[in-house]
Amino acid sequence: MTPREVSEAIFVDFEGAKSDENGEKFLGILWNPYSDDSKKPRLRQYILDPNLTLCAKAKIYDATAHVSCEKHEVKYFFSREQTEKEAVEFLLRLQNGKARIVSWSLHDWNILENIMGKHGFDDEQRMNIKERWRNAISTAQSWGEANGLNTAKGQNELDLYLETLNYEIPSFLTRDSTPGNKLINDRMKKLSNLQMKKKKISDLSEKQKGYWRHICEYNFHDLEGMRQVLLKAVMKS
C-alpha cells in the first residue's frame, strides 16, 4: 500500500469468539476523513449480537472522552441481519466507495464475504469490496522484519507490532497472561448472556457498564493500532 492509500484507508475489525455460533458480536470501522494524518480518526461500531443492544441504548460510553477519535457512533438496526446489511452499505459508500478497506489478516474479509453472500449483495457490490480489500500484514511485514520481528506465517500477531511501535494499550484491557482478545470475547459473552434477562438500562450494574467500555475501547485500539502500524510501515525514510 502507498502512503496515500493508508491515509485514506478504512480499517475493519470484527470481535467475537470464532467457536461461538454467530461468533461475531461486534464490528468496528475506523477511518480518517482528512488528508492530514495528525487529525483524529472517526469510529463507528456495529452491534451484531441483539443481546448487547441495551448497552448502546444506555449511551454509557463515548469513546471521544477516552481515546483519540473525533467522533464515536454505535449502531444497531432492529436485527442482526439488518445491521450486517447496513454495515456493508456503509463500507460501499464511505470515502466515496474508493478507499482501501484494511483488516489484520484475511479473517475479517472471510466474514464480510459470507455476510455479502447471505444478504444478496450483487456481483458489482461484492467486487467493489473485494478489489478494495487489503491484508494489513502484507504491508506491515517488511517493516516488522526490519525491526526484528518474526514474520513467518502464524507469527504476525498485531500485539507484537504494537509493542515494537511502542503503541500503548491501557492496562485494564489486559490481564496477566490472558490475551486481550480472549479477555474481550469473554466479557462480550458474559454481557450477552446477562442482558438476555435485562430489559431496562437501570438493570445494568457498574461492572457491566465497565465491560461495555472495555469492548468499545479494545476494538478502537485494534483499529487505531493497525492504522498507526501501517502509517509507520509506509513512511518514507
Protein backbone atom coordinates (compact mmCIF):
# COMPACT_ATOMS: atom_id res chain seq x y z
CA MET A 1 0.00 0.00 0.00
CA THR A 2 1.12 3.56 -0.66
CA PRO A 3 1.21 6.32 1.99
CA ARG A 4 -1.84 7.95 0.40
CA GLU A 5 -3.78 4.67 0.39
CA VAL A 6 -3.04 4.16 4.09
CA SER A 7 -4.05 7.73 4.92
CA GLU A 8 -7.40 7.32 3.16
CA ALA A 9 -7.99 3.70 4.22
CA ILE A 10 -10.96 2.28 6.12
CA PHE A 11 -9.95 -0.12 8.90
CA VAL A 12 -12.25 -3.01 9.83
CA ASP A 13 -12.23 -5.40 12.80
CA PHE A 14 -14.80 -7.96 13.93
CA GLU A 15 -14.86 -9.00 17.59
CA GLY A 16 -16.19 -12.31 18.87
CA ALA A 17 -15.04 -15.87 19.52
CA LYS A 18 -14.79 -17.99 16.38
CA SER A 19 -16.04 -21.01 18.34
CA ASP A 20 -19.43 -19.43 19.15
CA GLU A 21 -22.41 -19.77 16.86
CA ASN A 22 -22.71 -16.39 15.11
CA GLY A 23 -19.45 -15.69 16.94
CA GLU A 24 -19.05 -12.15 15.58
CA LYS A 25 -20.84 -9.96 18.11
CA PHE A 26 -19.38 -6.60 17.20
CA LEU A 27 -17.84 -4.79 14.22
CA GLY A 28 -15.63 -1.72 14.35
CA ILE A 29 -14.90 0.61 11.42
CA LEU A 30 -12.34 3.42 11.70
CA TRP A 31 -11.29 5.99 9.11
CA ASN A 32 -9.72 9.42 8.82
CA PRO A 33 -11.80 11.74 6.59
CA TYR A 34 -8.96 14.28 6.42
CA SER A 35 -5.80 14.41 4.31
CA ASP A 36 -3.79 15.26 7.44
CA ASP A 37 -2.69 12.09 9.30
CA SER A 38 -2.33 14.04 12.54
CA LYS A 39 -6.11 14.59 12.64
CA LYS A 40 -8.16 12.27 14.83
CA PRO A 41 -9.99 9.43 13.06
CA ARG A 42 -13.69 8.62 13.33
CA LEU A 43 -15.06 5.42 14.86
CA ARG A 44 -18.31 3.63 14.08
CA GLN A 45 -19.16 0.37 15.84
CA TYR A 46 -21.97 -2.00 14.89
CA ILE A 47 -23.64 -4.33 17.38
CA LEU A 48 -24.27 -7.69 15.73
CA ASP A 49 -25.49 -9.52 18.84
CA PRO A 50 -29.05 -8.34 19.68
CA ASN A 51 -28.44 -9.12 23.36
CA LEU A 52 -25.91 -6.27 23.52
CA THR A 53 -28.24 -3.53 22.29
CA LEU A 54 -29.17 -2.37 25.80
CA CYS A 55 -25.60 -1.12 26.24
CA ALA A 56 -25.90 1.02 23.13
CA LYS A 57 -29.26 2.42 24.17
CA ALA A 58 -27.80 3.33 27.54
CA LYS A 59 -25.19 5.56 25.85
CA ILE A 60 -22.89 4.64 28.70
CA TYR A 61 -19.66 5.14 26.79
CA ASP A 62 -18.42 7.83 24.43
CA ALA A 63 -15.01 6.95 23.05
CA THR A 64 -14.17 10.58 22.28
CA ALA A 65 -13.79 11.22 26.02
CA HIS A 66 -11.27 8.40 26.48
CA VAL A 67 -9.38 7.69 23.26
CA SER A 68 -8.05 9.69 20.35
CA CYS A 69 -11.00 9.77 17.97
CA GLU A 70 -13.01 12.71 16.68
CA LYS A 71 -16.43 11.04 16.59
CA HIS A 72 -17.88 7.82 18.02
CA GLU A 73 -21.14 6.15 16.99
CA VAL A 74 -22.68 2.82 18.00
CA LYS A 75 -25.25 1.41 15.59
CA TYR A 76 -27.90 -1.30 15.70
CA PHE A 77 -30.71 -1.61 13.14
CA PHE A 78 -33.59 -3.69 14.52
CA SER A 79 -31.93 -7.10 13.91
CA ARG A 80 -28.56 -8.73 13.30
CA GLU A 81 -29.41 -9.23 9.63
CA GLN A 82 -30.33 -5.60 9.04
CA THR A 83 -27.29 -4.37 10.94
CA GLU A 84 -24.99 -6.56 8.83
CA LYS A 85 -26.54 -5.14 5.64
CA GLU A 86 -26.25 -1.56 6.89
CA ALA A 87 -22.57 -2.09 7.72
CA VAL A 88 -21.79 -3.37 4.21
CA GLU A 89 -23.72 -0.50 2.63
CA PHE A 90 -21.74 1.93 4.78
CA LEU A 91 -18.47 0.46 3.50
CA LEU A 92 -19.71 0.72 -0.08
CA ARG A 93 -20.29 4.48 0.21
CA LEU A 94 -17.67 5.55 2.80
CA GLN A 95 -14.74 7.59 1.40
CA ASN A 96 -16.63 7.76 -1.94
CA GLY A 97 -16.57 3.97 -2.24
CA LYS A 98 -12.97 4.02 -3.46
CA ALA A 99 -10.63 3.86 -0.43
CA ARG A 100 -8.81 0.69 0.56
CA ILE A 101 -10.53 -1.44 3.19
CA VAL A 102 -7.98 -2.95 5.57
CA SER A 103 -8.06 -5.73 8.15
CA TRP A 104 -5.38 -7.58 10.07
CA SER A 105 -5.26 -10.93 8.21
CA LEU A 106 -7.96 -12.32 5.92
CA HIS A 107 -10.25 -13.50 8.73
CA ASP A 108 -12.36 -10.33 8.62
CA TRP A 109 -12.60 -10.47 4.82
CA ASN A 110 -13.93 -14.03 5.01
CA ILE A 111 -16.62 -12.92 7.47
CA LEU A 112 -17.67 -9.99 5.31
CA GLU A 113 -17.69 -12.08 2.15
CA ASN A 114 -20.05 -14.50 3.87
CA ILE A 115 -22.29 -11.62 5.01
CA MET A 116 -22.50 -10.20 1.48
CA GLY A 117 -23.42 -13.60 0.06
CA LYS A 118 -26.00 -14.21 2.74
CA HIS A 119 -27.78 -10.91 2.18
CA GLY A 120 -27.88 -10.89 -1.60
CA PHE A 121 -25.42 -8.13 -2.48
CA ASP A 122 -24.94 -8.18 -6.24
CA ASP A 123 -21.74 -9.07 -8.09
CA GLU A 124 -20.76 -5.44 -8.67
CA GLN A 125 -21.07 -4.58 -4.98
CA ARG A 126 -19.17 -7.68 -3.90
CA MET A 127 -16.42 -6.99 -6.41
CA ASN A 128 -16.16 -3.39 -5.21
CA ILE A 129 -15.40 -4.56 -1.67
CA LYS A 130 -13.11 -7.39 -2.80
CA GLU A 131 -10.97 -5.20 -5.05
CA ARG A 132 -10.55 -2.56 -2.33
CA TRP A 133 -9.70 -5.03 0.47
CA ARG A 134 -6.14 -5.30 1.70
CA ASN A 135 -4.48 -7.52 4.30
CA ALA A 136 -2.53 -5.19 6.61
CA ILE A 137 0.06 -7.88 7.31
CA SER A 138 1.25 -7.79 3.69
CA THR A 139 2.19 -4.12 4.09
CA ALA A 140 3.48 -4.36 7.67
CA GLN A 141 5.77 -7.39 7.26
CA SER A 142 8.77 -5.63 5.71
CA TRP A 143 8.75 -3.01 8.45
CA GLY A 144 8.35 -5.78 11.04
CA GLU A 145 11.32 -7.73 9.66
CA ALA A 146 13.45 -4.59 9.65
CA ASN A 147 12.63 -4.18 13.34
CA GLY A 148 13.49 -7.75 14.31
CA LEU A 149 10.04 -9.35 14.30
CA ASN A 150 9.49 -12.96 13.30
CA THR A 151 7.10 -12.52 10.39
CA ALA A 152 6.74 -16.19 9.47
CA LYS A 153 3.22 -17.41 8.80
CA GLY A 154 1.28 -17.70 12.06
CA GLN A 155 3.60 -15.29 13.90
CA ASN A 156 2.13 -11.97 12.77
CA GLU A 157 0.07 -11.03 15.82
CA LEU A 158 -0.90 -7.37 15.85
CA ASP A 159 0.15 -7.11 19.53
CA LEU A 160 3.78 -7.80 18.57
CA TYR A 161 3.77 -4.99 16.02
CA LEU A 162 2.18 -2.62 18.55
CA GLU A 163 4.88 -3.44 21.10
CA THR A 164 7.57 -2.73 18.51
CA LEU A 165 5.86 0.57 17.70
CA ASN A 166 5.57 1.39 21.44
CA TYR A 167 1.82 1.81 20.96
CA GLU A 168 0.26 1.80 24.41
CA ILE A 169 -2.87 -0.18 25.22
CA PRO A 170 -4.41 0.65 28.62
CA SER A 171 -3.60 -1.95 31.26
CA PHE A 172 -7.27 -2.54 32.13
CA LEU A 173 -7.70 -4.13 28.69
CA THR A 174 -5.25 -6.90 29.54
CA ARG A 175 -4.96 -9.26 32.48
CA ASP A 176 -1.85 -11.16 33.48
CA SER A 177 -1.09 -13.65 30.71
CA THR A 178 -4.62 -13.66 29.27
CA PRO A 179 -4.55 -12.44 25.63
CA GLY A 180 -6.56 -9.25 25.17
CA ASN A 181 -8.83 -10.72 22.52
CA LYS A 182 -9.77 -13.67 24.75
CA LEU A 183 -10.50 -11.31 27.63
CA ILE A 184 -12.79 -9.17 25.47
CA ASN A 185 -14.51 -12.20 23.97
CA ASP A 186 -15.22 -13.48 27.49
CA ARG A 187 -16.66 -10.10 28.51
CA MET A 188 -18.86 -9.92 25.42
CA LYS A 189 -20.18 -13.40 26.10
CA LYS A 190 -20.91 -12.57 29.74
CA LEU A 191 -22.69 -9.34 28.79
CA SER A 192 -24.70 -11.10 26.09
CA ASN A 193 -25.86 -13.81 28.49
CA LEU A 194 -26.67 -11.32 31.25
CA GLN A 195 -28.63 -8.96 29.04
CA MET A 196 -30.97 -11.69 27.85
CA LYS A 197 -32.59 -11.22 31.28
CA LYS A 198 -32.38 -7.43 31.49
CA LYS A 199 -34.93 -5.05 29.99
CA LYS A 200 -34.03 -1.63 31.41
CA ILE A 201 -30.89 0.46 31.38
CA SER A 202 -31.14 0.75 35.17
CA ASP A 203 -30.70 -3.04 35.35
CA LEU A 204 -27.08 -2.74 34.23
CA SER A 205 -24.53 -2.83 37.02
CA GLU A 206 -21.46 -0.58 37.07
CA LYS A 207 -19.31 -3.64 36.37
CA GLN A 208 -21.38 -4.48 33.30
CA LYS A 209 -21.11 -0.89 32.07
CA GLY A 210 -17.36 -1.21 32.55
CA TYR A 211 -17.33 -4.33 30.39
CA TRP A 212 -19.05 -2.38 27.63
CA ARG A 213 -16.41 0.35 27.81
CA HIS A 214 -13.71 -2.32 27.60
CA ILE A 215 -15.26 -3.84 24.46
CA CYS A 216 -15.58 -0.47 22.68
CA GLU A 217 -12.11 0.66 23.68
CA TYR A 218 -10.37 -2.62 22.89
CA ASN A 219 -11.89 -2.56 19.41
CA PHE A 220 -10.72 1.04 18.93
CA HIS A 221 -7.14 0.14 19.87
CA ASP A 222 -7.15 -2.81 17.44
CA LEU A 223 -8.22 -0.46 14.67
CA GLU A 224 -6.13 2.59 15.55
CA GLY A 225 -3.11 0.42 16.38
CA MET A 226 -3.36 -1.22 12.96
CA ARG A 227 -3.61 2.22 11.34
CA GLN A 228 -0.53 3.50 13.20
CA VAL A 229 1.50 0.41 12.26
CA LEU A 230 0.71 0.91 8.58
CA LEU A 231 1.39 4.65 8.70
CA LYS A 232 4.82 3.81 10.12
CA ALA A 233 5.39 0.95 7.66
CA VAL A 234 4.83 3.11 4.57
CA MET A 235 6.62 6.19 5.91
CA LYS A 236 9.37 7.35 3.59
CA SER A 237 12.77 7.21 5.23
